[in-house]
Amino acid sequence: RDNLPQVRADINDPILEPLAKAFSAPVLLHSAPPSGSLRYAAAEIGVPVMVYEAGEALRFEELSIQIGLRGILNVLRQLSMLPETKRRPSRPSAVLRSSSWQRAPQSGILRAQAKLGALVAKGETLGVVADPTGESEMPLTAPYDGVVIGRTNLPLVFEGEALFHVGRTRQTSLLEEHLDALH
């Protein structure tokens, strides 16, 4: 899978909200800690945790690394652990209040149409899953207006497998600024 650079944090937490915003990743996904996760266990004992996700597993992607490094430095400055800088401030993150994975409706071969970072409209086709013989094709569509923040890169998929992660947002102009800067 490939991920658009993003921070996941419970922005209802008064400690995490300013830190997640200071990180200034292109996307800030409001996400309560999922049950059974390390984030959940940490939150249960009062330790706030946010997660940076970017790029693809087993790959070094220079841009994702640069965004992550800049974000860490921004958080350290927010915590007064580093001096303020005279650089211009980073763009604010586009805040996504919810997201959902679109899953394979059947096993087969995925023909992905939506790229990572694509702004999509509700009902827009993200990709098509066809059985190996090509007799049955099933489209995957965007559940709402949003942005593709994650997607699989493998063409062979199994029924129920997560294929496209779509985040809901109305901050399209801010997101477009971030996406233009990424490209």
Foldseek 3Di string as FASTA:
>chain_A
DFFQWEKEFQCVPVVVVVLRQLLQRQEYEHDDDDPPDPQVVCVVVPHGDMDIDGTDPPDDDPVSVVSRVSSVVSSCVVVVVDPDDPDDGHQTYFYFHDKDFFWAQAWAFKDADDDAFDFFAFFQFGIWGAHDVRPDIDTTTDNHTFGFGDADPGGTHHGGHGGTMTTDGPPVVSSVVNVVVSD
